[in-house]
Amino acid sequence: QVHLVESGGGLVQAGGSLRLSCKASGIIFRLYAMGWYRQAPGKQRELVARIISGGSTNYADSVKGRFTISRDNAKNTVYLQMNSLKPEDTAVYYCNADYKFGYWGQGTQVTVSS
């Protein structure tokens, strides 16, 4: 059974930082592209950052230079370091694992106050 468990969300002031973690189980983690998506109230879910098995990354334009995605294959964990947070970053952040099938975590709330 596949599980993706996110942690690290919370309330932070604008300009602050948070680090999200997503620990995976039930998959061969190193084979999977891992991504962070977010969904704000009334908006569609959008890609924030993605890292493939080889380590290449891509980011949404809105977070480039502020967010960094990384992975630790030994720990089956993907991270999202979020710096210089803005109120518009407020959303539920979801972890995604994608290989032959896609899996989602339950999400973690990030709230940035102005």
Protein backbone atom coordinates (compact mmCIF):
# COMPACT_ATOMS: atom_id res chain seq x y z
CA GLN A 1 0.00 0.00 0.00
CA VAL A 2 1.35 3.39 -1.00
CA HIS A 3 1.51 6.23 1.49
CA LEU A 4 2.77 9.77 1.02
CA VAL A 5 2.83 11.69 4.28
CA GLU A 6 3.47 15.43 4.21
CA SER A 7 4.63 17.47 7.18
CA GLY A 8 6.07 20.87 7.94
CA GLY A 9 3.20 23.17 7.07
CA GLY A 10 2.01 25.91 9.34
CA LEU A 11 1.50 29.63 9.84
CA VAL A 12 4.35 31.99 9.02
CA GLN A 13 4.71 35.71 8.46
CA ALA A 14 5.51 37.12 5.05
CA GLY A 15 9.23 36.89 4.39
CA GLY A 16 9.60 33.81 6.54
CA SER A 17 10.57 30.25 5.68
CA LEU A 18 9.15 26.76 5.98
CA ARG A 19 10.42 23.35 4.95
CA LEU A 20 7.93 20.75 3.84
CA SER A 21 8.73 17.05 3.92
CA CYS A 22 7.01 14.14 2.22
CA LYS A 23 7.91 10.62 3.27
CA ALA A 24 6.91 7.84 0.90
CA SER A 25 6.32 4.18 1.58
CA GLY A 26 5.13 1.32 -0.57
CA ILE A 27 6.97 2.47 -3.71
CA ILE A 28 10.47 2.14 -5.15
CA PHE A 29 11.11 5.76 -4.35
CA ARG A 30 14.21 6.27 -6.49
CA LEU A 31 12.25 5.47 -9.66
CA TYR A 32 9.60 8.11 -9.08
CA ALA A 33 9.43 11.71 -10.14
CA MET A 34 8.36 13.62 -7.04
CA GLY A 35 6.44 16.83 -7.09
CA TRP A 36 4.90 19.46 -4.87
CA TYR A 37 1.59 20.95 -5.92
CA ARG A 38 -0.61 23.49 -4.20
CA GLN A 39 -4.24 24.47 -4.21
CA ALA A 40 -5.54 27.75 -2.89
CA PRO A 41 -9.24 28.26 -2.09
CA GLY A 42 -11.26 28.65 -5.28
CA LYS A 43 -8.29 27.86 -7.51
CA GLN A 44 -7.06 24.85 -9.42
CA ARG A 45 -4.26 22.70 -8.14
CA GLU A 46 -0.97 23.83 -9.66
CA LEU A 47 2.54 22.47 -9.92
CA VAL A 48 5.01 24.17 -7.61
CA ALA A 49 8.17 22.12 -8.14
CA ARG A 50 9.18 18.73 -9.45
CA ILE A 51 12.28 16.58 -9.25
CA ILE A 52 12.81 13.53 -11.42
CA SER A 53 14.67 10.37 -10.52
CA GLY A 54 17.89 11.70 -12.02
CA GLY A 55 17.70 14.86 -9.93
CA SER A 56 16.69 17.44 -12.53
CA THR A 57 14.23 19.98 -11.24
CA ASN A 58 11.67 22.41 -12.57
CA TYR A 59 9.71 25.15 -10.83
CA ALA A 60 6.68 27.31 -11.34
CA ASP A 61 7.73 30.81 -12.37
CA SER A 62 6.07 32.23 -9.27
CA VAL A 63 8.45 30.37 -6.92
CA LYS A 64 11.71 30.37 -8.86
CA GLY A 65 14.54 31.70 -6.74
CA ARG A 66 12.54 31.30 -3.52
CA PHE A 67 11.72 27.57 -3.31
CA THR A 68 14.05 24.60 -3.61
CA ILE A 69 12.99 20.99 -4.08
CA SER A 70 15.32 18.16 -3.11
CA ARG A 71 15.14 14.45 -2.46
CA ASP A 72 16.87 11.91 -0.25
CA ASN A 73 16.46 8.50 -1.81
CA ALA A 74 17.94 6.78 1.24
CA LYS A 75 15.14 8.25 3.38
CA ASN A 76 12.37 7.97 0.75
CA THR A 77 11.72 11.64 1.34
CA VAL A 78 11.27 14.73 -0.79
CA TYR A 79 11.60 18.24 0.61
CA LEU A 80 10.45 21.69 -0.35
CA GLN A 81 12.41 24.55 1.18
CA MET A 82 10.32 27.69 0.94
CA ASN A 83 11.97 31.04 1.59
CA SER A 84 10.76 34.62 1.25
CA LEU A 85 7.20 33.45 1.60
CA LYS A 86 4.40 35.67 0.37
CA PRO A 87 0.70 35.76 1.29
CA GLU A 88 -0.08 34.44 -2.20
CA ASP A 89 1.81 31.25 -1.32
CA THR A 90 -1.00 30.38 1.08
CA ALA A 91 -2.49 27.05 0.01
CA VAL A 92 -2.72 23.38 0.79
CA TYR A 93 0.48 21.77 -0.45
CA TYR A 94 0.33 18.24 -1.82
CA CYS A 95 3.07 15.74 -2.47
CA ASN A 96 2.88 13.71 -5.68
CA ALA A 97 4.75 10.60 -6.77
CA ASP A 98 4.68 9.77 -10.46
CA TYR A 99 6.04 6.78 -12.32
CA LYS A 100 3.74 4.26 -13.99
CA PHE A 101 1.01 5.37 -11.62
CA GLY A 102 0.50 8.59 -9.73
CA TYR A 103 -0.06 8.95 -6.02
CA TRP A 104 -1.00 11.87 -3.79
CA GLY A 105 -0.51 12.75 -0.18
CA GLN A 106 -3.22 14.16 2.02
CA GLY A 107 -1.85 17.71 1.93
CA THR A 108 -0.46 20.14 4.46
CA GLN A 109 -1.70 23.68 5.01
CA VAL A 110 0.66 26.60 4.53
CA THR A 111 -0.62 30.00 5.61
CA VAL A 112 1.43 33.15 5.09
CA SER A 113 0.24 36.23 6.92
CA SER A 114 0.93 39.75 5.70
